[in-house]
Amino acid sequence: MPPPRSVDPGTVIGGYVVEGLLGHGGMGTVYLAERADEAFDKHVAVKIIRTGLADSRFARRFLQERQILAQLEHPNIARLIDGGSTDDGRPYLGLATVEGE
């Protein structure tokens, strides 16, 4: 599996500006980001699929996760706020941020 490709602070993904790294796992990397258009203040956790997985079964699974999250509302599950693709074609999720580790 390819190593995570880092996204630099200041990078715009969809409607959000990346502020920093929150964590990474097997399928992707999660960044703290803020709404880019300044219409209102909103922080999100942006989860991006790893480079090299965007054209694979992992991408299909990632998109299924996005669809499932869009239908769920539960206090113990991060709420889906947005989704799309990065400039290089990798899908991302914009999730509600959760305080804690």
C-alpha atoms as a PDB file:
ATOM      1  CA  MET A   1       0.000   0.000   0.000  1.00  0.00           C
ATOM      2  CA  PRO A   2       1.440   3.434  -0.886  1.00  0.00           C
ATOM      3  CA  PRO A   3       2.475   5.706   1.969  1.00  0.00           C
ATOM      4  CA  PRO A   4       0.109   8.536   2.855  1.00  0.00           C
ATOM      5  CA  ARG A   5       0.675  11.604   0.700  1.00  0.00           C
ATOM      6  CA  SER A   6       0.718  14.624   2.921  1.00  0.00           C
ATOM      7  CA  VAL A   7      -1.402  17.680   2.263  1.00  0.00           C
ATOM      8  CA  ASP A   8       0.208  20.935   3.303  1.00  0.00           C
ATOM      9  CA  PRO A   9      -1.576  23.482   5.509  1.00  0.00           C
ATOM     10  CA  GLY A  10      -3.231  26.082   3.315  1.00  0.00           C
ATOM     11  CA  THR A  11      -4.219  23.557   0.645  1.00  0.00           C
ATOM     12  CA  VAL A  12      -7.845  23.953  -0.450  1.00  0.00           C
ATOM     13  CA  ILE A  13      -9.891  20.746  -0.670  1.00  0.00           C
ATOM     14  CA  GLY A  14     -13.416  21.350  -1.886  1.00  0.00           C
ATOM     15  CA  GLY A  15     -14.645  24.320   0.125  1.00  0.00           C
ATOM     16  CA  TYR A  16     -12.154  23.862   2.977  1.00  0.00           C
ATOM     17  CA  VAL A  17      -8.626  25.046   3.783  1.00  0.00           C
ATOM     18  CA  VAL A  18      -6.422  22.448   5.471  1.00  0.00           C
ATOM     19  CA  GLU A  19      -5.026  23.556   8.850  1.00  0.00           C
ATOM     20  CA  GLY A  20      -3.131  20.427   9.887  1.00  0.00           C
ATOM     21  CA  LEU A  21      -2.946  16.653  10.241  1.00  0.00           C
ATOM     22  CA  LEU A  22      -5.305  14.851  12.633  1.00  0.00           C
ATOM     23  CA  GLY A  23      -4.326  11.244  11.863  1.00  0.00           C
ATOM     24  CA  HIS A  24      -4.018   8.502   9.278  1.00  0.00           C
ATOM     25  CA  GLY A  25      -4.999   4.890   8.844  1.00  0.00           C
ATOM     26  CA  GLY A  26      -5.151   2.128   6.280  1.00  0.00           C
ATOM     27  CA  MET A  27      -7.395   3.822   3.733  1.00  0.00           C
ATOM     28  CA  GLY A  28      -6.587   7.474   4.169  1.00  0.00           C
ATOM     29  CA  THR A  29      -5.496  10.526   6.069  1.00  0.00           C
ATOM     30  CA  VAL A  30      -7.606  12.938   8.125  1.00  0.00           C
ATOM     31  CA  TYR A  31      -6.931  16.679   8.317  1.00  0.00           C
ATOM     32  CA  LEU A  32      -8.450  19.509  10.326  1.00  0.00           C
ATOM     33  CA  ALA A  33      -9.812  22.094   7.900  1.00  0.00           C
ATOM     34  CA  GLU A  34     -11.820  25.301   8.017  1.00  0.00           C
ATOM     35  CA  ARG A  35     -14.453  26.531   5.599  1.00  0.00           C
ATOM     36  CA  ALA A  36     -12.651  28.487   2.866  1.00  0.00           C
ATOM     37  CA  ASP A  37     -15.245  31.036   1.766  1.00  0.00           C
ATOM     38  CA  GLU A  38     -15.505  32.861   5.119  1.00  0.00           C
ATOM     39  CA  ALA A  39     -19.328  32.957   4.820  1.00  0.00           C
ATOM     40  CA  PHE A  40     -19.279  31.482   8.326  1.00  0.00           C
ATOM     41  CA  ASP A  41     -16.796  29.717  10.601  1.00  0.00           C
ATOM     42  CA  LYS A  42     -16.911  25.926  10.389  1.00  0.00           C
ATOM     43  CA  HIS A  43     -14.220  23.370  11.156  1.00  0.00           C
ATOM     44  CA  VAL A  44     -14.394  19.894   9.663  1.00  0.00           C
ATOM     45  CA  ALA A  45     -12.313  16.751   9.611  1.00  0.00           C
ATOM     46  CA  VAL A  46     -11.429  16.041   5.975  1.00  0.00           C
ATOM     47  CA  LYS A  47     -10.700  12.373   5.277  1.00  0.00           C
ATOM     48  CA  ILE A  48      -8.887  11.746   1.963  1.00  0.00           C
ATOM     49  CA  ILE A  49      -8.279   8.342   0.424  1.00  0.00           C
ATOM     50  CA  ARG A  50      -4.614   7.378  -0.007  1.00  0.00           C
ATOM     51  CA  THR A  51      -2.834   8.097  -3.273  1.00  0.00           C
ATOM     52  CA  GLY A  52      -2.988   5.004  -5.462  1.00  0.00           C
ATOM     53  CA  LEU A  53      -6.263   3.733  -3.988  1.00  0.00           C
ATOM     54  CA  ALA A  54      -8.594   6.107  -5.844  1.00  0.00           C
ATOM     55  CA  ASP A  55      -8.985   3.701  -8.784  1.00  0.00           C
ATOM     56  CA  SER A  56      -9.515   0.515  -6.796  1.00  0.00           C
ATOM     57  CA  ARG A  57     -11.965  -1.478  -4.721  1.00  0.00           C
ATOM     58  CA  PHE A  58     -10.877   0.733  -1.803  1.00  0.00           C
ATOM     59  CA  ALA A  59     -12.291   3.763  -3.607  1.00  0.00           C
ATOM     60  CA  ARG A  60     -15.625   1.979  -4.060  1.00  0.00           C
ATOM     61  CA  ARG A  61     -15.615   1.104  -0.358  1.00  0.00           C
ATOM     62  CA  PHE A  62     -14.739   4.692   0.534  1.00  0.00           C
ATOM     63  CA  LEU A  63     -17.644   5.988  -1.583  1.00  0.00           C
ATOM     64  CA  GLN A  64     -19.969   3.432   0.042  1.00  0.00           C
ATOM     65  CA  GLU A  65     -18.836   4.732   3.445  1.00  0.00           C
ATOM     66  CA  ARG A  66     -19.717   8.254   2.303  1.00  0.00           C
ATOM     67  CA  GLN A  67     -23.198   7.171   1.212  1.00  0.00           C
ATOM     68  CA  ILE A  68     -23.820   5.291   4.471  1.00  0.00           C
ATOM     69  CA  LEU A  69     -22.650   8.243   6.576  1.00  0.00           C
ATOM     70  CA  ALA A  70     -24.995  10.529   4.632  1.00  0.00           C
ATOM     71  CA  GLN A  71     -27.925   8.461   5.892  1.00  0.00           C
ATOM     72  CA  LEU A  72     -26.850   8.127   9.538  1.00  0.00           C
ATOM     73  CA  GLU A  73     -27.449  10.431  12.463  1.00  0.00           C
ATOM     74  CA  HIS A  74     -26.224   9.154  15.806  1.00  0.00           C
ATOM     75  CA  PRO A  75     -24.364  10.904  18.650  1.00  0.00           C
ATOM     76  CA  ASN A  76     -21.523   8.336  18.491  1.00  0.00           C
ATOM     77  CA  ILE A  77     -20.932   8.586  14.725  1.00  0.00           C
ATOM     78  CA  ALA A  78     -19.234  11.572  13.092  1.00  0.00           C
ATOM     79  CA  ARG A  79     -21.781  13.379  10.924  1.00  0.00           C
ATOM     80  CA  LEU A  80     -21.088  13.757   7.218  1.00  0.00           C
ATOM     81  CA  ILE A  81     -20.961  17.431   6.232  1.00  0.00           C
ATOM     82  CA  ASP A  82     -19.603  17.295   2.687  1.00  0.00           C
ATOM     83  CA  GLY A  83     -17.847  15.128   0.127  1.00  0.00           C
ATOM     84  CA  GLY A  84     -16.217  15.335  -3.241  1.00  0.00           C
ATOM     85  CA  SER A  85     -12.914  14.762  -4.997  1.00  0.00           C
ATOM     86  CA  THR A  86      -9.546  16.462  -4.669  1.00  0.00           C
ATOM     87  CA  ASP A  87      -7.889  18.129  -7.664  1.00  0.00           C
ATOM     88  CA  ASP A  88      -5.992  14.879  -8.316  1.00  0.00           C
ATOM     89  CA  GLY A  89      -9.205  12.815  -8.283  1.00  0.00           C
ATOM     90  CA  ARG A  90      -9.084  11.280  -4.793  1.00  0.00           C
ATOM     91  CA  PRO A  91     -12.449  11.146  -2.995  1.00  0.00           C
ATOM     92  CA  TYR A  92     -12.787  12.918   0.341  1.00  0.00           C
ATOM     93  CA  LEU A  93     -15.283  13.160   3.176  1.00  0.00           C
ATOM     94  CA  GLY A  94     -15.942  16.311   5.219  1.00  0.00           C
ATOM     95  CA  LEU A  95     -16.933  15.146   8.699  1.00  0.00           C
ATOM     96  CA  ALA A  96     -18.019  16.887  11.878  1.00  0.00           C
ATOM     97  CA  THR A  97     -15.051  17.312  14.192  1.00  0.00           C
ATOM     98  CA  VAL A  98     -15.041  15.410  17.471  1.00  0.00           C
ATOM     99  CA  GLU A  99     -13.168  16.625  20.538  1.00  0.00           C
ATOM    100  CA  GLY A 100     -10.754  14.119  22.061  1.00  0.00           C
ATOM    101  CA  GLU A 101      -8.159  11.634  20.917  1.00  0.00           C
END
